[in-house]
Amino acid sequence: MRIVDLLHLLDPAVVPEGTKVHLASWNGTENPLDVYLSGDFYEWQRWQTRRNFERRLVVSLIALPETDQWLFAGVHLSRGCEAREGGDYYYQLQELPSCSELNGRLVAHFKRPSRQSYLKAENWKDLIVLSHVLPKQMTIVQFPGFKSVDLAKSELEVIVKQNLESWRTALSSVAGVYLISDIASGKLYVGSATGEGGIWQRWCQYSVGHGGNVELKALFDEHGPDWAKGFRFSVLEIADTHASNDEILMRENHWKRILLSRAHGFNAN
């Protein structure tokens, strides 16, 4: 089934000739799926470097990790834009309630022909088809196990802000060694957490800043705190929260050596 036909059933005003399709994908700085899961996609989408939404309606599709799969993020009524300082445009977008029940649930299949991100719906309507519908809106998943942790900074902020129980319980129960990856530079930072609160307590500090690390603070001072939007967090090794500081430090140094995070990353010692 074509996506445009399904949306037209929900709201007859949704017609291809009056609709732009926004293919939101990695822009070199941010992953829109991370932005969506953090609850900031609608504001993020409003900012455009060109007049990209010069049609009445905008259908938003966000690239998923699976090839040719796109998450539906709503149909939005475009009420014009304002030119802002710096050459950007700020669009007044309003989601259509009539189609909102599929927001974050509908997954479309579309083989993107090029890097173009703004398509006239009538030219591609036959190729953007229904893949499946999720039973409920996509959200940040429950804690997946220590070996599978791979969080964007925006996801970590949501987890901490909402105090999600499965994540808090798991991460606060262990000490260990963790990794921060900077997707902009490819550099790594290896850190450790010990004592009461474990990794959870340490990562709560990162959710709102540089965590007091000298190396990361210097990075923030040079590039500004928004640089951290490109950080990803994972767990290298866990230990009991009663493990000695010396033991954890030894394992931290092991990973710094293996990952070359002193010579080519953000670790200074």
Protein backbone atom coordinates (compact mmCIF):
# COMPACT_ATOMS: atom_id res chain seq x y z
CA MET A 1 0.00 0.00 0.00
CA ARG A 2 1.24 3.49 -0.85
CA ILE A 3 1.82 5.79 2.12
CA VAL A 4 0.04 8.68 0.41
CA ASP A 5 -3.10 6.54 0.03
CA LEU A 6 -3.08 5.56 3.70
CA LEU A 7 -2.63 9.16 4.83
CA HIS A 8 -5.36 10.29 2.44
CA LEU A 9 -7.75 7.82 4.09
CA LEU A 10 -6.99 9.41 7.45
CA ASP A 11 -7.27 12.96 6.10
CA PRO A 12 -8.63 13.68 2.58
CA ALA A 13 -6.67 16.96 2.57
CA VAL A 14 -3.42 15.01 2.26
CA VAL A 15 -2.82 14.87 -1.51
CA PRO A 16 0.55 14.34 -3.24
CA GLU A 17 0.41 17.52 -5.32
CA GLY A 18 0.37 19.70 -2.22
CA THR A 19 2.89 17.73 -0.18
CA LYS A 20 6.64 17.70 0.33
CA VAL A 21 8.31 14.57 1.72
CA HIS A 22 11.12 15.30 4.16
CA LEU A 23 13.66 12.47 4.32
CA ALA A 24 15.43 13.20 7.60
CA SER A 25 18.76 11.40 7.84
CA TRP A 26 22.25 11.82 9.28
CA ASN A 27 23.42 15.34 8.40
CA GLY A 28 27.03 15.03 9.54
CA THR A 29 26.22 16.41 12.97
CA GLU A 30 23.02 14.85 14.28
CA ASN A 31 21.04 11.68 13.78
CA PRO A 32 17.37 12.71 13.48
CA LEU A 33 16.25 9.39 14.97
CA ASP A 34 18.15 10.28 18.15
CA VAL A 35 16.57 13.72 18.04
CA TYR A 36 13.11 12.17 17.62
CA LEU A 37 13.55 9.75 20.52
CA SER A 38 14.66 12.64 22.73
CA GLY A 39 11.44 14.52 21.88
CA ASP A 40 13.10 17.39 19.99
CA PHE A 41 12.41 16.44 16.36
CA TYR A 42 9.59 18.90 15.73
CA GLU A 43 11.65 21.90 16.77
CA TRP A 44 14.71 20.49 14.97
CA GLN A 45 12.78 20.12 11.71
CA ARG A 46 11.54 23.70 11.77
CA TRP A 47 15.07 25.00 11.22
CA GLN A 48 16.07 24.85 7.56
CA THR A 49 19.00 26.30 5.65
CA ARG A 50 16.79 26.87 2.58
CA ARG A 51 13.11 27.30 1.76
CA ASN A 52 12.54 23.56 1.72
CA PHE A 53 8.89 23.42 2.79
CA GLU A 54 7.20 25.65 0.23
CA ARG A 55 4.11 23.47 0.05
CA ARG A 56 1.02 23.25 2.20
CA LEU A 57 1.92 19.92 3.82
CA VAL A 58 5.12 18.17 4.90
CA VAL A 59 5.30 14.40 5.44
CA SER A 60 8.24 13.63 7.73
CA LEU A 61 10.14 10.35 7.37
CA ILE A 62 13.18 9.53 9.54
CA ALA A 63 15.88 7.11 8.42
CA LEU A 64 16.04 3.92 10.49
CA PRO A 65 19.17 1.75 10.87
CA GLU A 66 17.62 -0.91 8.62
CA THR A 67 18.22 -0.37 4.91
CA ASP A 68 15.43 1.51 3.08
CA GLN A 69 13.28 1.74 6.23
CA TRP A 70 11.80 5.08 7.34
CA LEU A 71 9.86 5.99 10.47
CA PHE A 72 6.81 8.19 9.91
CA ALA A 73 6.99 11.30 12.10
CA GLY A 74 3.77 13.03 11.18
CA VAL A 75 2.12 15.20 8.56
CA HIS A 76 2.69 18.88 9.20
CA LEU A 77 0.86 21.94 7.96
CA SER A 78 3.35 24.59 6.84
CA ARG A 79 2.26 28.11 7.72
CA GLY A 80 5.27 29.85 6.21
CA CYS A 81 8.71 30.71 7.51
CA GLU A 82 10.79 33.54 8.86
CA ALA A 83 14.28 34.40 7.70
CA ARG A 84 16.59 34.31 10.70
CA GLU A 85 20.05 35.72 11.35
CA GLY A 86 22.73 33.57 9.76
CA GLY A 87 20.71 32.73 6.66
CA ASP A 88 18.49 30.03 8.18
CA TYR A 89 14.72 29.79 7.91
CA TYR A 90 12.37 28.98 10.78
CA TYR A 91 9.15 27.27 9.67
CA GLN A 92 5.83 27.43 11.45
CA LEU A 93 4.86 23.75 11.29
CA GLN A 94 1.77 22.26 12.91
CA GLU A 95 1.15 18.51 13.03
CA LEU A 96 -2.18 17.29 11.65
CA PRO A 97 -4.00 15.48 14.51
CA SER A 98 -5.85 13.36 11.94
CA CYS A 99 -2.65 11.44 11.09
CA SER A 100 -0.97 11.52 14.49
CA GLU A 101 -2.07 8.01 15.49
CA LEU A 102 0.61 6.62 13.13
CA ASN A 103 3.34 8.97 14.33
CA GLY A 104 6.29 6.87 15.50
CA ARG A 105 4.49 3.66 14.53
CA LEU A 106 4.26 3.51 10.75
CA VAL A 107 7.41 2.28 9.00
CA ALA A 108 7.72 2.95 5.28
CA HIS A 109 9.87 1.21 2.70
CA PHE A 110 11.59 3.52 0.23
CA LYS A 111 14.80 3.03 -1.73
CA ARG A 112 16.24 6.51 -1.72
CA PRO A 113 17.47 7.39 -5.23
CA SER A 114 20.02 10.02 -4.17
CA ARG A 115 21.05 12.25 -1.28
CA GLN A 116 18.13 14.57 -1.95
CA SER A 117 16.14 15.12 1.25
CA TYR A 118 13.13 17.11 0.05
CA LEU A 119 10.92 15.39 -2.50
CA LYS A 120 7.73 16.35 -4.28
CA ALA A 121 5.32 13.64 -3.19
CA GLU A 122 3.68 13.17 -6.60
CA ASN A 123 7.02 12.15 -8.15
CA TRP A 124 7.73 9.37 -5.64
CA LYS A 125 4.31 8.32 -4.33
CA ASP A 126 4.43 4.90 -6.01
CA LEU A 127 7.77 4.00 -4.39
CA ILE A 128 7.07 5.05 -0.80
CA VAL A 129 5.06 2.10 0.46
CA LEU A 130 3.98 0.61 3.77
CA SER A 131 6.45 -1.78 5.38
CA HIS A 132 4.70 -2.38 8.71
CA VAL A 133 3.05 -0.67 11.66
CA LEU A 134 4.47 -0.94 15.16
CA PRO A 135 2.01 -1.80 17.96
CA LYS A 136 2.99 1.35 19.83
CA GLN A 137 5.04 4.48 19.25
CA MET A 138 8.78 3.96 19.03
CA THR A 139 10.53 5.10 22.19
CA ILE A 140 13.85 4.53 23.89
CA VAL A 141 14.02 0.80 24.57
CA GLN A 142 14.26 -0.84 27.95
CA PHE A 143 17.78 -1.55 29.18
CA PRO A 144 19.18 -4.02 26.60
CA GLY A 145 22.01 -5.54 28.65
CA PHE A 146 25.47 -4.17 29.28
CA LYS A 147 26.98 -5.62 26.10
CA SER A 148 24.38 -3.85 23.94
CA VAL A 149 24.50 -0.36 25.43
CA ASP A 150 25.08 2.26 22.71
CA LEU A 151 23.48 5.58 23.63
CA ALA A 152 23.48 8.91 21.88
CA LYS A 153 23.89 11.91 24.17
CA SER A 154 20.29 12.93 23.47
CA GLU A 155 19.07 9.47 24.50
CA LEU A 156 21.11 9.60 27.72
CA GLU A 157 19.55 12.96 28.55
CA VAL A 158 16.05 11.50 28.17
CA ILE A 159 16.88 8.41 30.23
CA VAL A 160 18.27 10.52 33.08
CA LYS A 161 15.55 13.16 32.90
CA GLN A 162 12.80 10.54 32.98
CA ASN A 163 14.72 8.43 35.51
CA LEU A 164 13.88 5.31 33.49
CA GLU A 165 13.80 2.47 35.96
CA SER A 166 15.37 -0.33 33.90
CA TRP A 167 18.38 1.83 33.02
CA ARG A 168 18.79 3.32 36.50
CA THR A 169 18.55 -0.06 38.20
CA ALA A 170 21.08 -1.72 35.90
CA LEU A 171 23.66 1.07 35.70
CA SER A 172 23.53 1.97 39.39
CA SER A 173 24.20 -1.64 40.39
CA VAL A 174 27.65 -1.86 38.78
CA ALA A 175 30.98 -0.11 38.73
CA GLY A 176 33.16 -0.43 35.66
CA VAL A 177 34.81 1.11 32.64
CA TYR A 178 32.87 3.01 29.99
CA LEU A 179 33.59 4.59 26.62
CA ILE A 180 32.57 7.94 25.17
CA SER A 181 32.90 8.11 21.39
CA ASP A 182 32.89 11.44 19.56
CA ILE A 183 31.27 10.83 16.18
CA ALA A 184 32.49 14.18 14.83
CA SER A 185 36.20 13.50 15.32
CA GLY A 186 36.30 9.74 15.88
CA LYS A 187 38.21 10.27 19.12
CA LEU A 188 37.57 8.18 22.22
CA TYR A 189 37.45 8.84 25.94
CA VAL A 190 37.79 5.97 28.42
CA GLY A 191 36.47 6.58 31.91
CA SER A 192 35.56 4.61 35.01
CA ALA A 193 32.96 4.67 37.75
CA THR A 194 33.30 3.28 41.26
CA GLY A 195 31.38 3.19 44.50
CA GLU A 196 27.74 3.80 45.31
CA GLY A 197 25.64 4.79 42.31
CA GLY A 198 28.05 3.12 39.90
CA ILE A 199 27.96 3.99 36.23
CA TRP A 200 24.51 5.55 36.57
CA GLN A 201 25.75 8.28 38.89
CA ARG A 202 28.67 9.06 36.58
CA TRP A 203 26.54 9.20 33.46
CA CYS A 204 24.01 11.47 35.15
CA GLN A 205 26.82 14.01 35.35
CA TYR A 206 27.55 13.63 31.63
CA SER A 207 23.91 14.14 30.75
CA VAL A 208 24.18 17.79 31.81
CA GLY A 209 27.83 18.59 31.09
CA HIS A 210 31.42 17.40 30.84
CA GLY A 211 31.34 15.42 34.08
CA GLY A 212 34.25 17.35 35.55
CA ASN A 213 36.79 15.66 33.27
CA VAL A 214 39.69 17.99 32.50
CA GLU A 215 40.03 16.76 28.91
CA LEU A 216 36.33 17.05 28.09
CA LYS A 217 36.07 20.41 29.82
CA ALA A 218 38.83 21.71 27.56
CA LEU A 219 36.89 20.40 24.57
CA PHE A 220 33.76 22.22 25.74
CA ASP A 221 35.73 25.42 26.30
CA GLU A 222 37.06 25.25 22.75
CA HIS A 223 33.92 24.22 20.86
CA GLY A 224 31.05 24.93 23.25
CA PRO A 225 28.74 22.49 25.08
CA ASP A 226 26.78 21.66 21.90
CA TRP A 227 29.79 19.62 20.79
CA ALA A 228 28.63 16.91 23.19
CA LYS A 229 25.57 16.27 21.01
CA GLY A 230 27.83 13.99 18.97
CA PHE A 231 28.89 11.83 21.94
CA ARG A 232 27.87 8.18 22.24
CA PHE A 233 28.09 6.16 25.46
CA SER A 234 28.84 2.45 25.84
CA VAL A 235 30.06 0.07 28.54
CA LEU A 236 33.40 -1.68 28.13
CA GLU A 237 33.51 -3.68 31.35
CA ILE A 238 31.52 -3.99 34.56
CA ALA A 239 32.46 -4.86 38.12
CA ASP A 240 30.84 -5.04 41.53
CA THR A 241 30.29 -1.62 43.10
CA HIS A 242 32.41 -2.84 46.03
CA ALA A 243 35.44 -3.48 43.78
CA SER A 244 38.47 -1.50 44.89
CA ASN A 245 39.36 1.74 43.19
CA ASP A 246 42.79 0.32 42.34
CA GLU A 247 41.24 -2.65 40.58
CA ILE A 248 38.93 -0.47 38.47
CA LEU A 249 41.77 1.95 37.69
CA MET A 250 43.91 -0.94 36.46
CA ARG A 251 41.15 -2.04 34.08
CA GLU A 252 40.61 1.55 32.94
CA ASN A 253 44.31 1.84 32.08
CA HIS A 254 44.10 -1.44 30.18
CA TRP A 255 41.36 -0.10 27.93
CA LYS A 256 43.14 3.22 27.43
CA ARG A 257 46.16 1.32 26.20
CA ILE A 258 44.18 -1.03 23.96
CA LEU A 259 42.07 1.72 22.39
CA LEU A 260 44.95 4.22 22.09
CA SER A 261 42.80 6.85 23.76
CA ARG A 262 45.82 8.63 25.21
CA ALA A 263 47.74 8.97 21.96
CA HIS A 264 44.77 9.55 19.65
CA GLY A 265 41.82 10.30 21.90
CA PHE A 266 40.71 12.52 24.77
CA ASN A 267 42.53 10.81 27.65
CA ALA A 268 45.44 12.87 28.96
CA ASN A 269 46.72 10.36 31.52
